[in-house]
N, C-alpha and C. Protein backbone atom coordinates (compact mmCIF):
# COMPACT_ATOMS: atom_id res chain seq x y z
N MET A 1 113.85 102.10 125.58
CA MET A 1 113.53 102.99 124.49
C MET A 1 114.09 102.41 123.20
N GLY A 2 113.26 102.40 122.16
CA GLY A 2 113.69 101.85 120.88
C GLY A 2 114.10 102.94 119.91
N GLU A 3 114.30 102.54 118.68
CA GLU A 3 114.67 103.49 117.63
C GLU A 3 113.48 104.40 117.32
N THR A 4 113.77 105.67 117.09
CA THR A 4 112.71 106.62 116.77
C THR A 4 112.92 107.19 115.37
N ALA A 5 111.82 107.66 114.80
CA ALA A 5 111.86 108.30 113.49
C ALA A 5 110.83 109.41 113.47
N SER A 6 111.10 110.42 112.69
CA SER A 6 110.16 111.51 112.49
C SER A 6 109.45 111.29 111.16
N LEU A 7 108.15 111.52 111.15
CA LEU A 7 107.36 111.30 109.95
C LEU A 7 106.48 112.53 109.71
N SER A 8 106.53 113.07 108.51
CA SER A 8 105.68 114.20 108.14
C SER A 8 104.59 113.73 107.19
N LEU A 9 103.36 114.12 107.48
CA LEU A 9 102.23 113.85 106.59
C LEU A 9 101.73 115.20 106.09
N ILE A 10 101.70 115.37 104.79
CA ILE A 10 101.32 116.64 104.18
C ILE A 10 100.07 116.42 103.33
N ASN A 11 99.00 117.06 103.70
CA ASN A 11 97.76 116.97 102.95
C ASN A 11 97.66 118.20 102.04
N SER A 12 98.10 118.06 100.82
CA SER A 12 98.05 119.18 99.87
C SER A 12 96.79 119.12 99.00
N THR A 13 95.85 118.27 99.39
CA THR A 13 94.61 118.14 98.62
C THR A 13 93.58 119.17 99.08
N ASN A 14 92.45 119.21 98.40
CA ASN A 14 91.35 120.10 98.78
C ASN A 14 90.37 119.44 99.74
N ALA A 15 90.66 118.24 100.19
CA ALA A 15 89.76 117.51 101.09
C ALA A 15 90.47 117.17 102.39
N ASP A 16 89.69 117.12 103.47
CA ASP A 16 90.23 116.67 104.75
C ASP A 16 90.47 115.17 104.69
N TRP A 17 91.47 114.71 105.41
CA TRP A 17 91.74 113.28 105.55
C TRP A 17 91.25 112.83 106.91
N GLU A 18 90.52 111.73 106.95
CA GLU A 18 90.09 111.14 108.21
C GLU A 18 90.65 109.73 108.29
N ILE A 19 91.14 109.39 109.47
CA ILE A 19 91.76 108.09 109.64
C ILE A 19 90.70 106.99 109.59
N VAL A 20 90.98 105.93 108.87
CA VAL A 20 90.07 104.79 108.81
C VAL A 20 90.68 103.55 109.44
N LYS A 21 92.01 103.53 109.55
CA LYS A 21 92.66 102.37 110.15
C LYS A 21 94.00 102.80 110.71
N SER A 22 94.30 102.30 111.90
CA SER A 22 95.62 102.50 112.50
C SER A 22 95.91 101.33 113.41
N SER A 23 96.99 100.63 113.14
CA SER A 23 97.38 99.52 114.01
C SER A 23 98.90 99.37 113.93
N SER A 24 99.43 98.74 114.96
CA SER A 24 100.87 98.53 114.99
C SER A 24 101.19 97.31 115.83
N TYR A 25 102.38 96.79 115.65
CA TYR A 25 102.86 95.66 116.43
C TYR A 25 104.29 95.97 116.85
N GLN A 26 104.53 95.89 118.14
CA GLN A 26 105.85 96.14 118.73
C GLN A 26 106.32 97.58 118.53
N MET A 27 105.38 98.52 118.60
CA MET A 27 105.71 99.94 118.50
C MET A 27 105.36 100.61 119.82
N ASN A 28 106.30 101.39 120.38
CA ASN A 28 106.03 102.13 121.61
C ASN A 28 105.16 103.35 121.35
N PHE A 29 105.46 104.08 120.29
CA PHE A 29 104.69 105.28 119.93
C PHE A 29 104.21 105.13 118.50
N TRP A 30 102.92 105.11 118.33
CA TRP A 30 102.31 105.00 117.01
C TRP A 30 100.94 105.68 117.10
N TYR A 31 100.95 106.99 117.18
CA TYR A 31 99.72 107.76 117.37
C TYR A 31 99.55 108.72 116.20
N PHE A 32 98.46 108.54 115.48
CA PHE A 32 98.16 109.36 114.32
C PHE A 32 96.90 110.17 114.59
N PRO A 33 96.82 111.43 114.13
CA PRO A 33 95.63 112.24 114.39
C PRO A 33 94.40 111.68 113.67
N GLU A 34 93.24 111.92 114.26
CA GLU A 34 91.98 111.46 113.67
C GLU A 34 91.70 112.15 112.34
N LYS A 35 92.14 113.41 112.22
CA LYS A 35 91.88 114.17 110.99
C LYS A 35 93.08 115.05 110.67
N ILE A 36 93.39 115.14 109.38
CA ILE A 36 94.37 116.10 108.87
C ILE A 36 93.61 116.97 107.88
N THR A 37 93.47 118.22 108.21
CA THR A 37 92.66 119.10 107.37
C THR A 37 93.37 119.45 106.06
N SER A 38 92.57 119.87 105.12
CA SER A 38 93.07 120.26 103.80
C SER A 38 94.15 121.33 103.92
N LYS A 39 95.19 121.20 103.13
CA LYS A 39 96.31 122.15 103.08
C LYS A 39 97.06 122.26 104.40
N ASP A 40 97.06 121.18 105.18
CA ASP A 40 97.74 121.18 106.48
C ASP A 40 98.78 120.06 106.49
N ALA A 41 99.66 120.12 107.47
CA ALA A 41 100.69 119.10 107.64
C ALA A 41 100.85 118.80 109.12
N VAL A 42 101.23 117.58 109.42
CA VAL A 42 101.52 117.19 110.80
C VAL A 42 102.85 116.47 110.82
N GLN A 43 103.53 116.59 111.93
CA GLN A 43 104.78 115.87 112.11
C GLN A 43 104.62 114.95 113.31
N LEU A 44 104.99 113.69 113.13
CA LEU A 44 104.82 112.67 114.15
C LEU A 44 106.16 112.07 114.51
N ILE A 45 106.24 111.55 115.71
CA ILE A 45 107.38 110.75 116.12
C ILE A 45 106.87 109.33 116.30
N ILE A 46 107.52 108.39 115.67
CA ILE A 46 107.18 106.98 115.87
C ILE A 46 108.39 106.29 116.50
N GLU A 47 108.10 105.29 117.33
CA GLU A 47 109.18 104.59 118.02
C GLU A 47 108.85 103.12 118.11
N ARG A 48 109.79 102.30 117.71
CA ARG A 48 109.58 100.87 117.85
C ARG A 48 110.13 100.40 119.19
N SER A 49 109.65 99.27 119.62
CA SER A 49 110.05 98.72 120.92
C SER A 49 111.53 98.38 120.91
N GLY A 50 112.19 98.64 122.02
CA GLY A 50 113.60 98.31 122.15
C GLY A 50 113.83 97.05 122.95
N TRP A 51 112.73 96.35 123.29
CA TRP A 51 112.85 95.15 124.11
C TRP A 51 113.68 94.11 123.37
N ILE A 52 114.70 93.58 123.99
CA ILE A 52 115.68 92.73 123.30
C ILE A 52 115.12 91.38 122.88
N PHE A 53 114.02 90.94 123.48
CA PHE A 53 113.47 89.63 123.12
C PHE A 53 112.46 89.70 121.98
N ASN A 54 112.17 90.90 121.47
CA ASN A 54 111.28 91.03 120.32
C ASN A 54 111.98 90.60 119.05
N ASP A 55 111.24 89.98 118.16
CA ASP A 55 111.74 89.68 116.82
C ASP A 55 111.46 90.93 115.97
N HIS A 56 112.48 91.75 115.76
CA HIS A 56 112.28 93.03 115.09
C HIS A 56 111.96 92.88 113.60
N ASP A 57 112.08 91.67 113.06
CA ASP A 57 111.61 91.45 111.69
C ASP A 57 110.09 91.54 111.62
N LEU A 58 109.42 91.45 112.78
CA LEU A 58 107.97 91.50 112.83
C LEU A 58 107.42 92.89 113.13
N ASP A 59 108.30 93.86 113.41
CA ASP A 59 107.84 95.23 113.70
C ASP A 59 107.05 95.76 112.51
N MET A 60 105.88 96.36 112.80
CA MET A 60 105.08 96.91 111.70
C MET A 60 104.12 97.96 112.22
N GLY A 61 103.65 98.76 111.31
CA GLY A 61 102.61 99.74 111.62
C GLY A 61 101.92 100.17 110.34
N ILE A 62 100.65 100.47 110.47
CA ILE A 62 99.88 100.94 109.32
C ILE A 62 98.93 102.05 109.78
N ALA A 63 98.81 103.06 108.99
CA ALA A 63 97.82 104.12 109.19
C ALA A 63 97.25 104.45 107.82
N GLU A 64 95.94 104.43 107.74
CA GLU A 64 95.27 104.67 106.45
C GLU A 64 94.27 105.81 106.61
N TYR A 65 94.37 106.76 105.70
CA TYR A 65 93.45 107.91 105.70
C TYR A 65 92.59 107.87 104.45
N LYS A 66 91.41 108.44 104.56
CA LYS A 66 90.50 108.50 103.41
C LYS A 66 89.94 109.90 103.30
């Protein structure tokens, strides 16, 4: 088990957000919802890999909504 973090995404706009891209490298948990509706919020847990042979300088993740 690696380090974990909590992430809140708050959509305070008048439009729904739909995911257009989500990718990660060396992350155990990196799951983002397909849609975040207008005036809604979600809380996520993300976790990077704890494997000792990973180069943690390369850990990354991206999620893009439109």
